[in-house]
Amino acid sequence: MRGKLILENGMSFEGKIFGELGECTGELVFNTGMTGYQELLTDPSYCGQIVVMTYPMIGNYGINLEDMESSKIHLKGFVIKEDAKLPNNFRCEMTLDGFLRQNSVVAFKGVDTRQLTKIIREEGAMRAIITAEDLTEKEIWERFNAYSNKDAVSQVSTKEIYEIPGEGKRIGVMDFGIKRNILRSFSKRGCHLVVFPWNTAAEEIMKYDLDGLFLSNGPGDPADLTGVIEEIKKMVGKLPIVAICLGHQLLSWALGGTTTKLKYGHRGCNHPVKDLIKNKIFITSQNHGYVVDRVPEAMEVTHINLNDNSIEGMRSKDLRIMCVQYHPEAWPGPADSDYLFDDFLDVIEGK
């Protein structure tokens, strides 16, 4: 079906709608990964966004049910140049188009995604609409103004407390939109996990006799989660705390730091990060639109992004806190930083 991609800056692109034949509005961002589209689609951190893939052909190895990072697709829309009609892989169970239809997600193809990426890089992430209709200027801005992603975390978090048994350390997990491979990374190290909804009170979490607390990744602006920040404050100093992505940003706010929105974010599988403690550079998987811009007094910077020198990790030995902005669990991306889960456990054990 013929359609349009309409950008907030007034630009419009002709192409074809596939997947769910409908309309969607979201924040337009880009991802530079050549592979890993299934993990990206099912990553809850993309909730509310329309993702542009810079790589020209997507879907060439299909979709399988093993590589899901959550139970469904969470992003609003998906923009690619070309979809592979005949995926070829021994694990393939369905096509990209079929997967999008199954999850009622609108997608758009036939556009030069590298041109789109250049526009986003120059002008910043912006709102966009995928539609088959000829919308008036008034209708376009009604859709843009109606778009909000402030309740994204409540949409993607678990609705009830559940446990994943293990013989090792008891770790509480605050789920702001956690990826399955983070849970697997802790589980394969023997941890017993207690997973809490995003808005669980500190008092309730402390009842579970935990050895440490993990704050997960998730979508949206950390500054919107004022209630969560207050609950984290109550647990600082009482429990060792480790965190990834949104959890890292929330910890910063809880300790007196601040965050700021990046012009176009870091999203891809090839971002160089320097571990200042190990004095080594690692290629990392990233997906965030916000970064810590003021480091809390109690924390020291442990990791920096070599592309823009933004803060990628912090720690406090006294408070037994460690957090990183990027995704050491990967999926998609390189597993170079998997060692961080061992470092997290060292913090929890007080090493």
Protein backbone atom coordinates (compact mmCIF):
# COMPACT_ATOMS: atom_id res chain seq x y z
CA MET A 1 0.00 0.00 0.00
CA ARG A 2 1.34 3.42 -0.97
CA GLY A 3 2.03 5.73 1.93
CA LYS A 4 3.98 8.68 3.29
CA LEU A 5 6.46 9.31 6.04
CA ILE A 6 5.83 12.86 7.29
CA LEU A 7 8.49 14.51 9.47
CA GLU A 8 8.01 17.23 12.04
CA ASN A 9 10.35 19.52 10.07
CA GLY A 10 7.87 19.57 7.16
CA MET A 11 9.62 17.01 4.93
CA SER A 12 7.61 14.15 3.44
CA PHE A 13 8.77 10.89 1.81
CA GLU A 14 6.83 8.59 -0.51
CA GLY A 15 7.05 4.84 -0.05
CA LYS A 16 5.07 1.71 0.79
CA ILE A 17 3.39 0.71 4.04
CA PHE A 18 3.82 -2.94 5.03
CA GLY A 19 3.27 -5.00 8.17
CA GLU A 20 0.07 -3.59 9.72
CA LEU A 21 -1.64 -1.47 7.05
CA GLY A 22 -2.47 1.50 9.24
CA GLU A 23 -1.10 4.73 10.67
CA CYS A 24 1.24 5.59 13.52
CA THR A 25 2.91 8.59 15.16
CA GLY A 26 6.16 8.40 17.14
CA GLU A 27 9.62 9.82 17.77
CA LEU A 28 11.83 9.16 14.73
CA VAL A 29 15.26 7.73 15.66
CA PHE A 30 17.86 5.64 13.82
CA ASN A 31 19.81 2.46 14.57
CA THR A 32 23.12 1.66 12.84
CA GLY A 33 23.10 -2.12 13.40
CA MET A 34 23.55 -4.32 10.31
CA THR A 35 21.87 -7.25 12.07
CA GLY A 36 19.86 -7.79 15.26
CA TYR A 37 16.58 -6.38 13.95
CA GLN A 38 14.51 -8.97 15.85
CA GLU A 39 16.10 -8.12 19.20
CA LEU A 40 15.65 -4.44 18.39
CA LEU A 41 11.97 -4.87 17.54
CA THR A 42 11.30 -6.67 20.83
CA ASP A 43 13.43 -4.36 23.02
CA PRO A 44 11.00 -2.51 25.35
CA SER A 45 13.33 0.53 25.40
CA TYR A 46 12.06 1.44 21.91
CA CYS A 47 8.47 1.85 23.14
CA GLY A 48 6.85 4.87 21.47
CA GLN A 49 9.50 5.30 18.78
CA ILE A 50 9.66 4.90 15.00
CA VAL A 51 13.02 3.28 14.25
CA VAL A 52 14.93 3.88 11.02
CA MET A 53 17.45 1.16 10.06
CA THR A 54 20.52 2.57 8.29
CA TYR A 55 21.42 -0.81 6.76
CA PRO A 56 19.66 -1.07 3.35
CA MET A 57 18.16 -4.59 3.51
CA ILE A 58 16.40 -5.91 6.60
CA GLY A 59 14.79 -9.32 7.18
CA ASN A 60 17.24 -11.48 5.22
CA TYR A 61 17.48 -14.15 7.94
CA GLY A 62 13.83 -13.94 8.97
CA ILE A 63 12.38 -14.18 12.48
CA ASN A 64 12.60 -17.00 15.04
CA LEU A 65 10.99 -17.43 18.43
CA GLU A 66 14.28 -17.88 20.30
CA ASP A 67 15.76 -14.40 19.84
CA MET A 68 12.91 -12.42 21.38
CA GLU A 69 14.00 -9.88 24.02
CA SER A 70 10.41 -9.61 25.32
CA SER A 71 7.04 -11.13 24.49
CA LYS A 72 6.14 -8.73 21.66
CA ILE A 73 7.18 -5.75 19.51
CA HIS A 74 7.16 -2.47 21.49
CA LEU A 75 8.15 0.21 18.99
CA LYS A 76 5.53 2.32 17.20
CA GLY A 77 6.84 2.03 13.65
CA PHE A 78 9.69 0.58 11.60
CA VAL A 79 11.34 2.24 8.59
CA ILE A 80 13.63 0.39 6.15
CA LYS A 81 14.83 0.74 2.59
CA GLU A 82 14.05 -2.82 1.45
CA ASP A 83 12.66 -5.97 3.06
CA ALA A 84 13.92 -9.45 2.16
CA LYS A 85 11.06 -11.38 0.54
CA LEU A 86 12.75 -14.80 0.82
CA PRO A 87 14.64 -14.99 4.12
CA ASN A 88 17.22 -17.75 4.25
CA ASN A 89 18.36 -19.20 7.59
CA PHE A 90 17.99 -22.62 9.22
CA ARG A 91 16.38 -20.97 12.29
CA CYS A 92 13.90 -18.87 10.31
CA GLU A 93 10.25 -19.40 11.34
CA MET A 94 8.52 -16.41 9.73
CA THR A 95 9.15 -13.33 7.62
CA LEU A 96 9.66 -9.82 8.95
CA ASP A 97 6.40 -8.73 7.31
CA GLY A 98 4.50 -11.58 8.97
CA PHE A 99 6.00 -10.74 12.38
CA LEU A 100 5.01 -7.08 12.05
CA ARG A 101 1.46 -8.06 11.03
CA GLN A 102 1.19 -10.47 13.94
CA ASN A 103 2.11 -7.64 16.33
CA SER A 104 -0.01 -4.96 14.56
CA VAL A 105 3.02 -2.74 13.89
CA VAL A 106 3.03 -0.29 10.99
CA ALA A 107 6.20 -0.30 8.86
CA PHE A 108 7.41 1.78 5.92
CA LYS A 109 9.81 0.88 3.09
CA GLY A 110 11.17 2.23 -0.18
CA VAL A 111 12.82 5.29 1.35
CA ASP A 112 16.54 6.12 1.46
CA THR A 113 17.14 5.45 5.14
CA ARG A 114 20.67 6.85 5.02
CA GLN A 115 19.28 10.18 3.83
CA LEU A 116 16.78 10.02 6.71
CA THR A 117 19.64 9.31 9.11
CA LYS A 118 21.55 12.36 7.87
CA ILE A 119 18.46 14.51 8.46
CA ILE A 120 18.07 13.18 12.02
CA ARG A 121 21.78 13.72 12.70
CA GLU A 122 21.61 17.31 11.46
CA GLU A 123 18.26 18.32 12.96
CA GLY A 124 17.87 15.89 15.88
CA ALA A 125 15.30 13.22 16.73
CA MET A 126 11.81 14.44 15.81
CA ARG A 127 8.22 13.32 15.67
CA ALA A 128 7.00 11.57 12.51
CA ILE A 129 3.86 10.02 11.04
CA ILE A 130 3.49 6.97 8.80
CA THR A 131 0.17 7.26 6.95
CA ALA A 132 -1.65 6.37 3.73
CA GLU A 133 -3.92 9.42 4.00
CA ASP A 134 -3.47 12.89 2.50
CA LEU A 135 -3.42 14.82 5.76
CA THR A 136 -3.91 18.57 6.02
CA GLU A 137 -1.42 20.69 7.95
CA LYS A 138 -3.95 20.92 10.78
CA GLU A 139 -4.44 17.14 10.92
CA ILE A 140 -0.68 16.56 10.91
CA TRP A 141 -0.12 18.85 13.90
CA GLU A 142 -3.11 17.40 15.75
CA ARG A 143 -1.37 14.02 15.54
CA PHE A 144 2.03 15.42 16.55
CA ASN A 145 0.57 17.28 19.53
CA ALA A 146 -1.40 14.22 20.67
CA TYR A 147 1.79 12.12 20.79
CA SER A 148 3.25 11.53 24.26
CA ASN A 149 5.65 8.88 25.54
CA LYS A 150 5.54 9.80 29.24
CA ASP A 151 3.79 6.60 30.33
CA ALA A 152 6.07 4.28 28.32
CA VAL A 153 7.62 2.58 31.38
CA SER A 154 4.20 1.71 32.82
CA GLN A 155 3.30 0.09 29.48
CA VAL A 156 6.35 -2.19 29.26
CA SER A 157 7.01 -3.11 32.91
CA THR A 158 5.77 -6.34 34.49
CA LYS A 159 2.39 -5.97 36.19
CA GLU A 160 3.18 -8.29 39.10
CA ILE A 161 6.12 -9.54 41.16
CA TYR A 162 7.66 -12.81 39.97
CA GLU A 163 10.77 -14.85 40.81
CA ILE A 164 13.38 -16.70 38.75
CA PRO A 165 14.94 -19.35 41.02
CA GLY A 166 18.68 -19.61 41.57
CA GLU A 167 21.08 -20.88 44.22
CA GLY A 168 23.25 -17.76 44.42
CA LYS A 169 22.76 -14.14 45.43
CA ARG A 170 19.20 -12.87 45.85
CA ILE A 171 18.88 -9.87 43.53
CA GLY A 172 15.86 -7.60 43.28
CA VAL A 173 15.16 -6.35 39.75
CA MET A 174 13.19 -3.13 39.18
CA ASP A 175 11.67 -3.73 35.74
CA PHE A 176 11.39 -0.53 33.70
CA GLY A 177 11.30 -2.54 30.44
CA ILE A 178 13.93 -5.21 30.98
CA LYS A 179 15.42 -7.29 28.17
CA ARG A 180 15.40 -11.07 28.61
CA ASN A 181 19.15 -11.40 28.09
CA ILE A 182 19.81 -9.29 31.18
CA LEU A 183 17.79 -11.80 33.23
CA ARG A 184 19.61 -14.68 31.49
CA SER A 185 22.99 -13.05 32.23
CA PHE A 186 22.25 -12.96 35.95
CA SER A 187 20.62 -16.42 35.95
CA LYS A 188 23.60 -18.14 34.32
CA ARG A 189 25.69 -16.81 37.22
CA GLY A 190 23.37 -18.60 39.63
CA CYS A 191 21.45 -15.56 40.91
CA HIS A 192 17.96 -15.82 42.40
CA LEU A 193 15.97 -12.98 40.85
CA VAL A 194 12.91 -11.23 42.26
CA VAL A 195 11.43 -8.99 39.54
CA PHE A 196 9.33 -6.01 40.66
CA PRO A 197 6.98 -3.70 38.71
CA TRP A 198 8.39 -0.25 37.98
CA ASN A 199 6.36 1.52 40.69
CA THR A 200 7.01 -0.87 43.59
CA ALA A 201 7.67 0.96 46.87
CA ALA A 202 11.09 0.68 48.53
CA GLU A 203 9.43 -0.69 51.66
CA GLU A 204 7.96 -3.60 49.69
CA ILE A 205 11.27 -4.37 47.95
CA MET A 206 13.17 -4.40 51.26
CA LYS A 207 10.88 -7.15 52.60
CA TYR A 208 12.43 -9.72 50.26
CA ASP A 209 15.76 -10.17 52.09
CA LEU A 210 17.82 -9.16 49.06
CA ASP A 211 21.60 -9.15 48.65
CA GLY A 212 21.42 -6.38 46.03
CA LEU A 213 19.20 -4.39 43.70
CA PHE A 214 19.36 -4.08 39.91
CA LEU A 215 17.71 -1.17 38.03
CA SER A 216 16.90 -2.14 34.45
CA ASN A 217 16.87 -0.46 31.06
CA GLY A 218 13.67 1.12 29.78
CA PRO A 219 12.10 3.80 27.55
CA GLY A 220 11.50 7.51 27.98
CA ASP A 221 12.86 10.46 29.96
CA PRO A 222 14.19 9.56 33.45
CA ALA A 223 13.17 13.01 34.74
CA ASP A 224 9.50 12.01 34.27
CA LEU A 225 9.85 9.19 36.83
CA THR A 226 9.96 11.36 39.96
CA GLY A 227 8.16 8.79 42.12
CA VAL A 228 10.64 6.07 41.16
CA ILE A 229 13.59 8.37 41.92
CA GLU A 230 12.23 8.98 45.43
CA GLU A 231 11.92 5.22 46.06
CA ILE A 232 15.50 4.61 44.85
CA LYS A 233 16.75 7.30 47.25
CA LYS A 234 15.28 5.32 50.16
CA MET A 235 17.36 2.25 49.22
CA VAL A 236 20.72 3.98 48.57
CA GLY A 237 23.16 2.90 51.30
CA LYS A 238 20.87 0.11 52.48
CA LEU A 239 21.42 -2.21 49.51
CA PRO A 240 24.20 -2.53 46.92
CA ILE A 241 22.74 -1.16 43.67
CA VAL A 242 23.77 -1.90 40.07
CA ALA A 243 22.09 -0.55 36.96
CA ILE A 244 21.99 -0.37 33.16
CA CYS A 245 20.74 2.37 30.80
CA LEU A 246 17.57 4.02 32.25
CA GLY A 247 18.46 2.56 35.65
CA HIS A 248 21.85 4.30 35.44
CA GLN A 249 20.12 7.61 34.67
CA LEU A 250 17.62 7.18 37.52
CA LEU A 251 20.47 6.46 39.94
CA SER A 252 22.11 9.68 38.86
CA TRP A 253 18.96 11.66 39.66
CA ALA A 254 18.53 9.86 43.00
CA LEU A 255 22.08 10.84 44.03
CA GLY A 256 21.84 14.49 42.99
CA GLY A 257 22.95 14.33 39.36
CA THR A 258 21.02 15.26 36.22
CA THR A 259 20.46 13.99 32.68
CA THR A 260 20.03 15.69 29.31
CA LYS A 261 18.55 14.63 25.97
CA LEU A 262 21.02 13.83 23.20
CA LYS A 263 20.45 15.40 19.80
CA TYR A 264 19.89 12.04 18.09
CA GLY A 265 20.84 9.42 20.69
CA HIS A 266 23.16 6.41 20.63
CA ARG A 267 21.54 3.39 18.98
CA GLY A 268 23.52 0.58 17.40
CA CYS A 269 25.96 -2.30 17.96
CA ASN A 270 29.29 -0.59 17.35
CA HIS A 271 29.81 2.22 19.87
CA PRO A 272 33.34 2.45 21.35
CA VAL A 273 33.45 2.86 25.14
CA LYS A 274 36.59 3.20 27.26
CA ASP A 275 36.64 1.43 30.64
CA LEU A 276 38.78 3.87 32.64
CA ILE A 277 39.43 1.32 35.40
CA LYS A 278 40.73 -1.39 33.05
CA ASN A 279 42.18 1.18 30.61
CA LYS A 280 40.63 -0.78 27.72
CA ILE A 281 38.26 0.08 24.90
CA PHE A 282 35.21 -2.10 24.24
CA ILE A 283 32.77 -2.09 21.32
CA THR A 284 29.30 -1.89 22.85
CA SER A 285 25.61 -2.22 22.09
CA GLN A 286 23.68 0.98 22.86
CA ASN A 287 20.12 2.27 22.85
CA HIS A 288 19.49 5.55 24.66
CA GLY A 289 18.35 9.09 23.98
CA TYR A 290 19.41 10.60 27.32
CA VAL A 291 22.76 10.78 29.15
CA VAL A 292 24.04 11.86 32.55
CA ASP A 293 25.38 15.41 32.21
CA ARG A 294 26.07 16.19 35.87
CA VAL A 295 27.78 13.45 37.88
CA PRO A 296 26.62 13.10 41.50
CA GLU A 297 29.29 14.08 44.06
CA ALA A 298 29.29 10.58 45.54
CA MET A 299 30.11 8.94 42.19
CA GLU A 300 33.22 8.66 40.03
CA VAL A 301 33.12 8.23 36.24
CA THR A 302 34.29 4.76 35.13
CA HIS A 303 33.37 4.67 31.42
CA ILE A 304 33.25 7.24 28.62
CA ASN A 305 31.94 7.15 25.06
CA LEU A 306 34.80 7.73 22.61
CA ASN A 307 32.52 9.22 19.93
CA ASP A 308 31.32 12.19 22.00
CA ASN A 309 32.98 11.80 25.44
CA SER A 310 29.58 11.37 27.13
CA ILE A 311 29.41 9.52 30.45
CA GLU A 312 28.88 5.76 30.05
CA GLY A 313 29.48 4.47 33.58
CA MET A 314 29.83 5.48 37.25
CA ARG A 315 30.51 3.87 40.61
CA SER A 316 30.76 4.57 44.32
CA LYS A 317 32.77 2.15 46.47
CA ASP A 318 31.40 3.64 49.69
CA LEU A 319 27.75 3.26 48.66
CA ARG A 320 28.42 -0.03 46.79
CA ILE A 321 26.91 1.29 43.58
CA MET A 322 27.91 0.62 39.97
CA CYS A 323 26.04 1.53 36.80
CA VAL A 324 26.59 1.78 33.04
CA GLN A 325 24.73 3.57 30.26
CA TYR A 326 25.28 0.96 27.54
CA HIS A 327 24.07 -2.66 27.25
CA PRO A 328 26.65 -5.25 28.41
CA GLU A 329 24.10 -8.04 27.79
CA ALA A 330 24.22 -7.15 24.05
CA TRP A 331 21.60 -9.07 22.02
CA PRO A 332 22.02 -7.54 19.53
CA GLY A 333 25.68 -6.62 19.41
CA PRO A 334 29.09 -7.75 20.63
CA ALA A 335 29.41 -9.62 23.94
CA ASP A 336 32.72 -7.87 24.78
CA SER A 337 31.24 -6.29 27.92
CA ASP A 338 29.66 -9.41 29.41
CA TYR A 339 32.35 -9.21 32.15
CA LEU A 340 30.35 -6.36 33.69
CA PHE A 341 27.85 -8.80 35.16
CA ASP A 342 30.73 -10.34 37.12
CA ASP A 343 31.72 -6.82 38.21
CA PHE A 344 28.10 -6.19 39.26
CA LEU A 345 28.19 -9.31 41.45
CA ASP A 346 31.53 -8.21 42.95
CA VAL A 347 29.86 -4.93 43.98
CA ILE A 348 26.95 -6.83 45.52
CA GLU A 349 29.39 -9.11 47.39
CA GLY A 350 31.36 -6.08 48.61
CA LYS A 351 34.58 -6.95 46.79
